[in-house]
Amino acid sequence: MPGRLLRGLWQRWGRYKYRFVPWIAMNLNHNPRTLRYVPEESKDKVISDEEVLGSLLKVFQALFLNDFHKQSDILTVLPETVQLKYQDLAAVQHQRVNLLENRDQQQNIFKAEEVLYQTLGFNVARAASSLITAGKGVFVTKGFVPKGAVVSMYPGTVYQKYEPVFFQSIGNPFIFRCLDGVLIDGNDKGISKVVYRSCTGRDRLGPLEMSDSTWLTSELHNPLALGQYVNNCSNEKAANVCYQEFDVPAVFPVELKQYLPNIAYSYDKQSPLRCVILVALRDIKQGEELFSNYYTIVS
């Protein structure tokens, strides 16, 4: 019994140590390939914010179209200009739904991951990592990821530097720290899960959801929302993706916010919602696991 307990603790330490600051500080020199260097905070971006926004809108609009039969309540509360924008979309969807009904199939034409494949040309999913003791990892399960593509998003509750996160952080390996000190809690269990669901309910406006909470379940509405499971690279397995911070602009379509896997801990209209996306550093083939640099050194 003690041996089993010790093995369990050792396995947990193997997964947690990469986020334990004292261990990181003592081992940086031993793991040079696990570090990412940027000249300054403003120059950590691999692709532009405009490219990130374009990719997210492309995927979210495709998901919206695929779920169009569920969106009628949302459309009724949107401005007339937005409703007009979707008139052609509604006509096309009506034809597609009729076709499915004639074939006695479900109204959803594709699963979310298939929508991602048709939109960006690849699928990603969680599976057992190729790293020993690393637990789950994220793999390209279908298609091909070109260099510079948005390949995943880091979901979770967003905390400003001055907001309380102590209890959520205890034993939590999914706290992501942005360059400016903003924190994102990507844990899908325990108190972190409760906090996220509470904030989601707080910000909901009638039928309009301001965030996606399905990343807390096994059925993701946004198939990109699994970036918290991307493992740290090693001297043997170099990083093929990197984190990039992205502030959601005020002009982001309100009807598509239902696919954003992040929510602010405090309701603050003055601060844009912080998201973290993962960008491919090179071409990534089907079957490859995604690896990132957990540590960014700002010169």
C-alpha atoms as a PDB file:
ATOM      1  CA  MET A   1       0.000   0.000   0.000  1.00  0.00           C
ATOM      2  CA  PRO A   2       2.725   2.583   0.886  1.00  0.00           C
ATOM      3  CA  GLY A   3       4.538   1.682  -2.340  1.00  0.00           C
ATOM      4  CA  ARG A   4       1.451   2.323  -4.429  1.00  0.00           C
ATOM      5  CA  LEU A   5       0.898   5.648  -2.665  1.00  0.00           C
ATOM      6  CA  LEU A   6       4.489   6.718  -3.283  1.00  0.00           C
ATOM      7  CA  ARG A   7       4.272   5.749  -6.963  1.00  0.00           C
ATOM      8  CA  GLY A   8       1.085   7.779  -7.285  1.00  0.00           C
ATOM      9  CA  LEU A   9       2.711  10.808  -5.651  1.00  0.00           C
ATOM     10  CA  TRP A  10       5.784  10.455  -7.870  1.00  0.00           C
ATOM     11  CA  GLN A  11       3.621  10.350 -11.001  1.00  0.00           C
ATOM     12  CA  ARG A  12       1.759  13.475  -9.866  1.00  0.00           C
ATOM     13  CA  TRP A  13       5.075  15.213  -9.210  1.00  0.00           C
ATOM     14  CA  GLY A  14       6.260  14.253 -12.693  1.00  0.00           C
ATOM     15  CA  ARG A  15       3.310  16.123 -14.167  1.00  0.00           C
ATOM     16  CA  TYR A  16       3.327  19.058 -11.713  1.00  0.00           C
ATOM     17  CA  LYS A  17       7.040  19.909 -11.481  1.00  0.00           C
ATOM     18  CA  TYR A  18       7.044  21.768 -14.810  1.00  0.00           C
ATOM     19  CA  ARG A  19       4.789  24.381 -13.182  1.00  0.00           C
ATOM     20  CA  PHE A  20       6.598  24.507  -9.804  1.00  0.00           C
ATOM     21  CA  VAL A  21       8.664  27.701  -9.878  1.00  0.00           C
ATOM     22  CA  PRO A  22      11.583  26.603  -7.617  1.00  0.00           C
ATOM     23  CA  TRP A  23      12.084  23.421  -9.672  1.00  0.00           C
ATOM     24  CA  ILE A  24      11.903  25.443 -12.895  1.00  0.00           C
ATOM     25  CA  ALA A  25      14.536  27.907 -11.673  1.00  0.00           C
ATOM     26  CA  MET A  26      16.959  25.135 -10.680  1.00  0.00           C
ATOM     27  CA  ASN A  27      16.575  23.191 -13.923  1.00  0.00           C
ATOM     28  CA  LEU A  28      16.500  25.876 -16.627  1.00  0.00           C
ATOM     29  CA  ASN A  29      20.162  25.343 -17.551  1.00  0.00           C
ATOM     30  CA  HIS A  30      19.620  21.598 -17.880  1.00  0.00           C
ATOM     31  CA  ASN A  31      16.779  21.967 -20.369  1.00  0.00           C
ATOM     32  CA  PRO A  32      17.798  24.697 -22.842  1.00  0.00           C
ATOM     33  CA  ARG A  33      15.435  23.510 -25.595  1.00  0.00           C
ATOM     34  CA  THR A  34      12.436  23.973 -23.305  1.00  0.00           C
ATOM     35  CA  LEU A  35      12.943  27.752 -23.232  1.00  0.00           C
ATOM     36  CA  ARG A  36      11.579  30.329 -25.637  1.00  0.00           C
ATOM     37  CA  TYR A  37      13.285  33.725 -25.870  1.00  0.00           C
ATOM     38  CA  VAL A  38      11.591  36.919 -27.027  1.00  0.00           C
ATOM     39  CA  PRO A  39      13.253  40.369 -27.193  1.00  0.00           C
ATOM     40  CA  GLU A  40      10.394  42.095 -25.373  1.00  0.00           C
ATOM     41  CA  GLU A  41       6.777  41.514 -24.385  1.00  0.00           C
ATOM     42  CA  SER A  42       5.372  43.210 -27.476  1.00  0.00           C
ATOM     43  CA  LYS A  43       7.358  40.975 -29.837  1.00  0.00           C
ATOM     44  CA  ASP A  44       6.239  37.518 -28.709  1.00  0.00           C
ATOM     45  CA  LYS A  45       3.686  37.152 -31.518  1.00  0.00           C
ATOM     46  CA  VAL A  46       4.341  34.617 -34.259  1.00  0.00           C
ATOM     47  CA  ILE A  47       1.362  35.822 -36.317  1.00  0.00           C
ATOM     48  CA  SER A  48      -0.559  39.092 -36.183  1.00  0.00           C
ATOM     49  CA  ASP A  49      -3.680  39.668 -34.114  1.00  0.00           C
ATOM     50  CA  GLU A  50      -5.560  40.166 -37.377  1.00  0.00           C
ATOM     51  CA  GLU A  51      -4.565  36.676 -38.509  1.00  0.00           C
ATOM     52  CA  VAL A  52      -5.626  35.196 -35.172  1.00  0.00           C
ATOM     53  CA  LEU A  53      -8.968  36.971 -35.347  1.00  0.00           C
ATOM     54  CA  GLY A  54      -9.499  35.839 -38.929  1.00  0.00           C
ATOM     55  CA  SER A  55      -8.857  32.191 -38.040  1.00  0.00           C
ATOM     56  CA  LEU A  56     -11.153  32.253 -35.009  1.00  0.00           C
ATOM     57  CA  LEU A  57     -13.962  33.952 -36.925  1.00  0.00           C
ATOM     58  CA  LYS A  58     -13.625  31.444 -39.742  1.00  0.00           C
ATOM     59  CA  VAL A  59     -13.980  28.482 -37.373  1.00  0.00           C
ATOM     60  CA  PHE A  60     -16.680  30.036 -35.182  1.00  0.00           C
ATOM     61  CA  GLN A  61     -18.807  31.082 -38.139  1.00  0.00           C
ATOM     62  CA  ALA A  62     -18.577  27.549 -39.526  1.00  0.00           C
ATOM     63  CA  LEU A  63     -19.653  26.147 -36.155  1.00  0.00           C
ATOM     64  CA  PHE A  64     -22.505  28.663 -36.017  1.00  0.00           C
ATOM     65  CA  LEU A  65     -23.673  27.552 -39.446  1.00  0.00           C
ATOM     66  CA  ASN A  66     -23.487  23.907 -38.445  1.00  0.00           C
ATOM     67  CA  ASP A  67     -25.606  24.642 -35.351  1.00  0.00           C
ATOM     68  CA  PHE A  68     -27.914  27.034 -37.160  1.00  0.00           C
ATOM     69  CA  HIS A  69     -31.117  25.177 -36.248  1.00  0.00           C
ATOM     70  CA  LYS A  70     -30.291  25.982 -32.581  1.00  0.00           C
ATOM     71  CA  GLN A  71     -29.619  29.685 -33.157  1.00  0.00           C
ATOM     72  CA  SER A  72     -33.139  31.036 -33.811  1.00  0.00           C
ATOM     73  CA  ASP A  73     -33.581  32.451 -30.286  1.00  0.00           C
ATOM     74  CA  ILE A  74     -30.227  34.204 -30.532  1.00  0.00           C
ATOM     75  CA  LEU A  75     -31.000  35.789 -33.885  1.00  0.00           C
ATOM     76  CA  THR A  76     -34.227  37.336 -32.582  1.00  0.00           C
ATOM     77  CA  VAL A  77     -32.364  39.459 -30.005  1.00  0.00           C
ATOM     78  CA  LEU A  78     -29.606  40.638 -32.342  1.00  0.00           C
ATOM     79  CA  PRO A  79     -29.681  43.999 -34.160  1.00  0.00           C
ATOM     80  CA  GLU A  80     -31.487  44.029 -37.478  1.00  0.00           C
ATOM     81  CA  THR A  81     -28.236  44.567 -39.355  1.00  0.00           C
ATOM     82  CA  VAL A  82     -26.863  41.322 -37.909  1.00  0.00           C
ATOM     83  CA  GLN A  83     -30.077  39.471 -38.713  1.00  0.00           C
ATOM     84  CA  LEU A  84     -29.853  40.645 -42.315  1.00  0.00           C
ATOM     85  CA  LYS A  85     -26.293  39.385 -42.443  1.00  0.00           C
ATOM     86  CA  TYR A  86     -27.543  35.892 -41.731  1.00  0.00           C
ATOM     87  CA  GLN A  87     -30.501  35.852 -44.124  1.00  0.00           C
ATOM     88  CA  ASP A  88     -28.564  34.103 -46.858  1.00  0.00           C
ATOM     89  CA  LEU A  89     -27.094  31.791 -44.246  1.00  0.00           C
ATOM     90  CA  ALA A  90     -30.588  30.900 -43.028  1.00  0.00           C
ATOM     91  CA  ALA A  91     -31.759  30.087 -46.558  1.00  0.00           C
ATOM     92  CA  VAL A  92     -28.805  27.801 -47.195  1.00  0.00           C
ATOM     93  CA  GLN A  93     -29.208  26.084 -43.835  1.00  0.00           C
ATOM     94  CA  HIS A  94     -32.928  25.561 -44.424  1.00  0.00           C
ATOM     95  CA  GLN A  95     -32.148  23.646 -47.601  1.00  0.00           C
ATOM     96  CA  ARG A  96     -29.522  21.529 -45.852  1.00  0.00           C
ATOM     97  CA  VAL A  97     -31.827  20.665 -42.922  1.00  0.00           C
ATOM     98  CA  ASN A  98     -34.621  19.671 -45.300  1.00  0.00           C
ATOM     99  CA  LEU A  99     -32.195  17.383 -47.081  1.00  0.00           C
ATOM    100  CA  LEU A 100     -31.198  15.731 -43.825  1.00  0.00           C
ATOM    101  CA  GLU A 101     -34.814  15.296 -42.724  1.00  0.00           C
ATOM    102  CA  ASN A 102     -35.579  13.564 -45.996  1.00  0.00           C
ATOM    103  CA  ARG A 103     -32.765  11.154 -45.231  1.00  0.00           C
ATOM    104  CA  ASP A 104     -33.904  10.633 -41.620  1.00  0.00           C
ATOM    105  CA  GLN A 105     -30.590  11.934 -40.278  1.00  0.00           C
ATOM    106  CA  GLN A 106     -29.760  14.307 -37.455  1.00  0.00           C
ATOM    107  CA  GLN A 107     -30.102  18.039 -37.954  1.00  0.00           C
ATOM    108  CA  ASN A 108     -26.417  18.595 -37.222  1.00  0.00           C
ATOM    109  CA  ILE A 109     -24.617  17.890 -40.470  1.00  0.00           C
ATOM    110  CA  PHE A 110     -21.172  17.460 -38.946  1.00  0.00           C
ATOM    111  CA  LYS A 111     -19.598  16.999 -35.549  1.00  0.00           C
ATOM    112  CA  ALA A 112     -17.564  19.952 -34.303  1.00  0.00           C
ATOM    113  CA  GLU A 113     -14.240  18.279 -35.075  1.00  0.00           C
ATOM    114  CA  GLU A 114     -15.352  17.628 -38.647  1.00  0.00           C
ATOM    115  CA  VAL A 115     -16.275  21.316 -38.994  1.00  0.00           C
ATOM    116  CA  LEU A 116     -12.739  22.168 -37.855  1.00  0.00           C
ATOM    117  CA  TYR A 117     -11.274  19.797 -40.441  1.00  0.00           C
ATOM    118  CA  GLN A 118     -13.351  21.264 -43.250  1.00  0.00           C
ATOM    119  CA  THR A 119     -12.494  24.816 -42.154  1.00  0.00           C
ATOM    120  CA  LEU A 120      -8.780  24.683 -41.291  1.00  0.00           C
ATOM    121  CA  GLY A 121      -7.788  21.314 -42.719  1.00  0.00           C
ATOM    122  CA  PHE A 122      -6.981  19.411 -39.523  1.00  0.00           C
ATOM    123  CA  ASN A 123      -8.373  17.897 -36.331  1.00  0.00           C
ATOM    124  CA  VAL A 124      -6.818  17.880 -32.869  1.00  0.00           C
ATOM    125  CA  ALA A 125      -7.787  15.683 -29.927  1.00  0.00           C
ATOM    126  CA  ARG A 126      -6.649  14.518 -26.494  1.00  0.00           C
ATOM    127  CA  ALA A 127      -4.952  11.149 -26.090  1.00  0.00           C
ATOM    128  CA  ALA A 128      -2.312   9.486 -23.921  1.00  0.00           C
ATOM    129  CA  SER A 129       0.923  11.454 -24.306  1.00  0.00           C
ATOM    130  CA  SER A 130       4.027   9.969 -25.877  1.00  0.00           C
ATOM    131  CA  LEU A 131       5.950  11.310 -22.863  1.00  0.00           C
ATOM    132  CA  ILE A 132       6.268   8.944 -19.919  1.00  0.00           C
ATOM    133  CA  THR A 133       4.321  10.161 -16.831  1.00  0.00           C
ATOM    134  CA  ALA A 134       2.933  13.123 -18.787  1.00  0.00           C
ATOM    135  CA  GLY A 135      -0.666  11.887 -18.728  1.00  0.00           C
ATOM    136  CA  LYS A 136      -2.818  13.317 -21.502  1.00  0.00           C
ATOM    137  CA  GLY A 137      -1.479  15.153 -24.538  1.00  0.00           C
ATOM    138  CA  VAL A 138      -2.882  16.739 -27.702  1.00  0.00           C
ATOM    139  CA  PHE A 139      -2.376  15.182 -31.127  1.00  0.00           C
ATOM    140  CA  VAL A 140      -3.139  16.081 -34.727  1.00  0.00           C
ATOM    141  CA  THR A 141      -5.560  13.264 -35.492  1.00  0.00           C
ATOM    142  CA  LYS A 142      -6.455  14.166 -39.054  1.00  0.00           C
ATOM    143  CA  GLY A 143      -5.134  16.396 -41.799  1.00  0.00           C
ATOM    144  CA  PHE A 144      -2.134  18.721 -41.849  1.00  0.00           C
ATOM    145  CA  VAL A 145      -1.302  21.825 -39.790  1.00  0.00           C
ATOM    146  CA  PRO A 146       0.665  24.441 -41.751  1.00  0.00           C
ATOM    147  CA  LYS A 147       3.220  26.680 -40.080  1.00  0.00           C
ATOM    148  CA  GLY A 148       1.544  29.759 -38.583  1.00  0.00           C
ATOM    149  CA  ALA A 149      -1.884  28.133 -38.154  1.00  0.00           C
ATOM    150  CA  VAL A 150      -3.943  28.590 -34.992  1.00  0.00           C
ATOM    151  CA  VAL A 151      -3.999  25.009 -33.728  1.00  0.00           C
ATOM    152  CA  SER A 152      -5.589  25.302 -30.280  1.00  0.00           C
ATOM    153  CA  MET A 153      -6.887  27.627 -27.552  1.00  0.00           C
ATOM    154  CA  TYR A 154      -6.130  27.664 -23.820  1.00  0.00           C
ATOM    155  CA  PRO A 155      -9.521  27.662 -22.051  1.00  0.00           C
ATOM    156  CA  GLY A 156     -10.342  28.861 -18.564  1.00  0.00           C
ATOM    157  CA  THR A 157     -11.221  31.674 -16.190  1.00  0.00           C
ATOM    158  CA  VAL A 158      -9.161  34.843 -16.695  1.00  0.00           C
ATOM    159  CA  TYR A 159      -7.814  36.574 -13.574  1.00  0.00           C
ATOM    160  CA  GLN A 160      -6.220  39.989 -13.403  1.00  0.00           C
ATOM    161  CA  LYS A 161      -3.051  40.274 -11.302  1.00  0.00           C
ATOM    162  CA  TYR A 162      -4.932  41.665  -8.307  1.00  0.00           C
ATOM    163  CA  GLU A 163      -7.731  39.069  -8.263  1.00  0.00           C
ATOM    164  CA  PRO A 164      -7.869  36.096  -5.832  1.00  0.00           C
ATOM    165  CA  VAL A 165      -6.713  32.777  -7.238  1.00  0.00           C
ATOM    166  CA  PHE A 166      -4.955  31.183  -4.250  1.00  0.00           C
ATOM    167  CA  PHE A 167      -7.432  28.397  -3.466  1.00  0.00           C
ATOM    168  CA  GLN A 168      -7.950  27.591  -7.146  1.00  0.00           C
ATOM    169  CA  SER A 169      -4.174  27.292  -7.617  1.00  0.00           C
ATOM    170  CA  ILE A 170      -3.527  24.702  -4.891  1.00  0.00           C
ATOM    171  CA  GLY A 171      -2.319  21.536  -6.601  1.00  0.00           C
ATOM    172  CA  ASN A 172      -3.487  22.961  -9.917  1.00  0.00           C
ATOM    173  CA  PRO A 173      -1.088  22.360 -12.852  1.00  0.00           C
ATOM    174  CA  PHE A 174      -3.271  24.308 -15.305  1.00  0.00           C
ATOM    175  CA  ILE A 175      -2.633  27.906 -14.204  1.00  0.00           C
ATOM    176  CA  PHE A 176      -1.220  29.800 -17.185  1.00  0.00           C
ATOM    177  CA  ARG A 177       0.609  33.075 -16.534  1.00  0.00           C
ATOM    178  CA  CYS A 178       0.639  35.655 -19.324  1.00  0.00           C
ATOM    179  CA  LEU A 179       3.582  37.994 -19.863  1.00  0.00           C
ATOM    180  CA  ASP A 180       1.760  40.846 -18.115  1.00  0.00           C
ATOM    181  CA  GLY A 181       0.803  38.759 -15.083  1.00  0.00           C
ATOM    182  CA  VAL A 182      -2.758  37.923 -16.144  1.00  0.00           C
ATOM    183  CA  LEU A 183      -3.620  34.334 -15.160  1.00  0.00           C
ATOM    184  CA  ILE A 184      -5.819  31.770 -16.919  1.00  0.00           C
ATOM    185  CA  ASP A 185      -7.082  28.802 -14.912  1.00  0.00           C
ATOM    186  CA  GLY A 186      -7.547  25.938 -17.363  1.00  0.00           C
ATOM    187  CA  ASN A 187      -8.459  23.274 -14.810  1.00  0.00           C
ATOM    188  CA  ASP A 188     -11.686  21.462 -15.730  1.00  0.00           C
ATOM    189  CA  LYS A 189     -12.237  20.004 -12.264  1.00  0.00           C
ATOM    190  CA  GLY A 190     -12.897  21.044  -8.666  1.00  0.00           C
ATOM    191  CA  ILE A 191     -13.294  24.645  -7.566  1.00  0.00           C
ATOM    192  CA  SER A 192     -11.929  25.898 -10.902  1.00  0.00           C
ATOM    193  CA  LYS A 193     -14.825  24.243 -12.717  1.00  0.00           C
ATOM    194  CA  VAL A 194     -17.356  25.725 -10.270  1.00  0.00           C
ATOM    195  CA  VAL A 195     -15.900  29.227 -10.667  1.00  0.00           C
ATOM    196  CA  TYR A 196     -15.981  29.056 -14.465  1.00  0.00           C
ATOM    197  CA  ARG A 197     -19.592  27.875 -14.572  1.00  0.00           C
ATOM    198  CA  SER A 198     -20.601  30.590 -12.105  1.00  0.00           C
ATOM    199  CA  CYS A 199     -18.986  33.330 -14.202  1.00  0.00           C
ATOM    200  CA  THR A 200     -20.595  31.944 -17.352  1.00  0.00           C
ATOM    201  CA  GLY A 201     -24.040  32.084 -15.782  1.00  0.00           C
ATOM    202  CA  ARG A 202     -23.394  35.622 -14.492  1.00  0.00           C
ATOM    203  CA  ASP A 203     -22.535  37.008 -17.938  1.00  0.00           C
ATOM    204  CA  ARG A 204     -25.288  35.304 -19.917  1.00  0.00           C
ATOM    205  CA  LEU A 205     -27.758  37.728 -21.526  1.00  0.00           C
ATOM    206  CA  GLY A 206     -30.994  35.854 -22.174  1.00  0.00           C
ATOM    207  CA  PRO A 207     -30.232  33.386 -24.977  1.00  0.00           C
ATOM    208  CA  LEU A 208     -26.830  34.998 -25.603  1.00  0.00           C
ATOM    209  CA  GLU A 209     -23.961  33.057 -24.068  1.00  0.00           C
ATOM    210  CA  MET A 210     -20.775  35.091 -23.643  1.00  0.00           C
ATOM    211  CA  SER A 211     -18.517  32.044 -23.408  1.00  0.00           C
ATOM    212  CA  ASP A 212     -18.291  28.316 -24.055  1.00  0.00           C
ATOM    213  CA  SER A 213     -18.356  25.980 -21.069  1.00  0.00           C
ATOM    214  CA  THR A 214     -18.382  22.696 -22.994  1.00  0.00           C
ATOM    215  CA  TRP A 215     -14.584  22.390 -22.618  1.00  0.00           C
ATOM    216  CA  LEU A 216     -15.437  21.299 -19.059  1.00  0.00           C
ATOM    217  CA  THR A 217     -17.090  18.223 -20.560  1.00  0.00           C
ATOM    218  CA  SER A 218     -16.119  15.522 -23.045  1.00  0.00           C
ATOM    219  CA  GLU A 219     -18.311  17.059 -25.786  1.00  0.00           C
ATOM    220  CA  LEU A 220     -16.523  20.188 -27.039  1.00  0.00           C
ATOM    221  CA  HIS A 221     -18.560  22.692 -29.040  1.00  0.00           C
ATOM    222  CA  ASN A 222     -15.292  24.442 -29.851  1.00  0.00           C
ATOM    223  CA  PRO A 223     -12.858  21.678 -30.906  1.00  0.00           C
ATOM    224  CA  LEU A 224      -9.874  24.026 -30.440  1.00  0.00           C
ATOM    225  CA  ALA A 225     -10.478  24.380 -26.693  1.00  0.00           C
ATOM    226  CA  LEU A 226      -8.006  21.812 -25.374  1.00  0.00           C
ATOM    227  CA  GLY A 227      -4.762  23.788 -25.249  1.00  0.00           C
ATOM    228  CA  GLN A 228      -4.316  23.206 -21.519  1.00  0.00           C
ATOM    229  CA  TYR A 229      -3.417  19.588 -22.292  1.00  0.00           C
ATOM    230  CA  VAL A 230      -0.516  20.443 -24.613  1.00  0.00           C
ATOM    231  CA  ASN A 231       2.626  19.163 -22.912  1.00  0.00           C
ATOM    232  CA  ASN A 232       5.932  20.908 -22.400  1.00  0.00           C
ATOM    233  CA  CYS A 233       8.681  20.144 -24.885  1.00  0.00           C
ATOM    234  CA  SER A 234      11.934  18.473 -23.877  1.00  0.00           C
ATOM    235  CA  ASN A 235      15.510  18.282 -25.093  1.00  0.00           C
ATOM    236  CA  GLU A 236      14.435  15.259 -27.142  1.00  0.00           C
ATOM    237  CA  LYS A 237      11.085  16.583 -28.375  1.00  0.00           C
ATOM    238  CA  ALA A 238      11.304  20.184 -29.550  1.00  0.00           C
ATOM    239  CA  ALA A 239       8.358  22.575 -29.430  1.00  0.00           C
ATOM    240  CA  ASN A 240       6.175  22.611 -32.538  1.00  0.00           C
ATOM    241  CA  VAL A 241       3.646  25.136 -31.211  1.00  0.00           C
ATOM    242  CA  CYS A 242       3.902  28.238 -29.036  1.00  0.00           C
ATOM    243  CA  TYR A 243       1.546  30.286 -26.898  1.00  0.00           C
ATOM    244  CA  GLN A 244       0.388  33.677 -28.113  1.00  0.00           C
ATOM    245  CA  GLU A 245      -1.748  36.123 -26.179  1.00  0.00           C
ATOM    246  CA  PHE A 246      -4.769  37.656 -27.871  1.00  0.00           C
ATOM    247  CA  ASP A 247      -7.200  40.260 -26.529  1.00  0.00           C
ATOM    248  CA  VAL A 248     -10.690  39.846 -27.959  1.00  0.00           C
ATOM    249  CA  PRO A 249     -11.606  43.123 -29.736  1.00  0.00           C
ATOM    250  CA  ALA A 250     -14.787  45.015 -28.898  1.00  0.00           C
ATOM    251  CA  VAL A 251     -16.058  44.411 -32.439  1.00  0.00           C
ATOM    252  CA  PHE A 252     -16.073  40.621 -31.976  1.00  0.00           C
ATOM    253  CA  PRO A 253     -19.523  39.362 -33.108  1.00  0.00           C
ATOM    254  CA  VAL A 254     -21.697  38.818 -30.054  1.00  0.00           C
ATOM    255  CA  GLU A 255     -23.396  35.785 -31.592  1.00  0.00           C
ATOM    256  CA  LEU A 256     -20.022  34.016 -31.873  1.00  0.00           C
ATOM    257  CA  LYS A 257     -18.912  34.589 -28.272  1.00  0.00           C
ATOM    258  CA  GLN A 258     -20.662  31.334 -27.395  1.00  0.00           C
ATOM    259  CA  TYR A 259     -17.552  29.583 -28.776  1.00  0.00           C
ATOM    260  CA  LEU A 260     -14.967  31.531 -26.741  1.00  0.00           C
ATOM    261  CA  PRO A 261     -13.611  29.153 -24.059  1.00  0.00           C
ATOM    262  CA  ASN A 262     -12.631  31.973 -21.686  1.00  0.00           C
ATOM    263  CA  ILE A 263     -14.491  34.154 -19.208  1.00  0.00           C
ATOM    264  CA  ALA A 264     -13.318  37.003 -16.961  1.00  0.00           C
ATOM    265  CA  TYR A 265     -13.404  36.348 -13.215  1.00  0.00           C
ATOM    266  CA  SER A 266     -14.682  39.882 -12.588  1.00  0.00           C
ATOM    267  CA  TYR A 267     -17.132  41.633 -14.827  1.00  0.00           C
ATOM    268  CA  ASP A 268     -15.133  44.586 -16.150  1.00  0.00           C
ATOM    269  CA  LYS A 269     -16.238  46.328 -19.311  1.00  0.00           C
ATOM    270  CA  GLN A 270     -12.996  48.289 -19.488  1.00  0.00           C
ATOM    271  CA  SER A 271     -10.681  45.316 -19.941  1.00  0.00           C
ATOM    272  CA  PRO A 272     -10.805  43.192 -23.117  1.00  0.00           C
ATOM    273  CA  LEU A 273     -11.115  39.459 -22.631  1.00  0.00           C
ATOM    274  CA  ARG A 274      -7.701  37.795 -22.701  1.00  0.00           C
ATOM    275  CA  CYS A 275      -7.348  34.589 -24.696  1.00  0.00           C
ATOM    276  CA  VAL A 276      -4.271  32.480 -25.314  1.00  0.00           C
ATOM    277  CA  ILE A 277      -3.977  30.577 -28.564  1.00  0.00           C
ATOM    278  CA  LEU A 278      -1.357  28.102 -29.739  1.00  0.00           C
ATOM    279  CA  VAL A 279       0.321  28.708 -33.093  1.00  0.00           C
ATOM    280  CA  ALA A 280       2.195  26.121 -35.149  1.00  0.00           C
ATOM    281  CA  LEU A 281       5.935  26.856 -35.318  1.00  0.00           C
ATOM    282  CA  ARG A 282       6.368  24.483 -38.257  1.00  0.00           C
ATOM    283  CA  ASP A 283       4.303  22.189 -40.453  1.00  0.00           C
ATOM    284  CA  ILE A 284       2.775  19.443 -38.289  1.00  0.00           C
ATOM    285  CA  LYS A 285       1.687  16.126 -39.760  1.00  0.00           C
ATOM    286  CA  GLN A 286      -1.137  13.789 -38.806  1.00  0.00           C
ATOM    287  CA  GLY A 287      -0.257  11.655 -35.789  1.00  0.00           C
ATOM    288  CA  GLU A 288       2.210  14.133 -34.251  1.00  0.00           C
ATOM    289  CA  GLU A 289       1.819  15.278 -30.669  1.00  0.00           C
ATOM    290  CA  LEU A 290       1.822  19.001 -29.924  1.00  0.00           C
ATOM    291  CA  PHE A 291       4.591  20.337 -27.680  1.00  0.00           C
ATOM    292  CA  SER A 292       4.978  23.904 -26.444  1.00  0.00           C
ATOM    293  CA  ASN A 293       7.492  25.952 -24.435  1.00  0.00           C
ATOM    294  CA  TYR A 294       6.069  26.437 -20.946  1.00  0.00           C
ATOM    295  CA  TYR A 295       8.684  29.103 -20.214  1.00  0.00           C
ATOM    296  CA  THR A 296       9.205  32.332 -22.123  1.00  0.00           C
ATOM    297  CA  ILE A 297      12.284  34.419 -21.298  1.00  0.00           C
ATOM    298  CA  VAL A 298      11.812  38.127 -21.988  1.00  0.00           C
ATOM    299  CA  SER A 299      15.148  39.821 -22.697  1.00  0.00           C
END
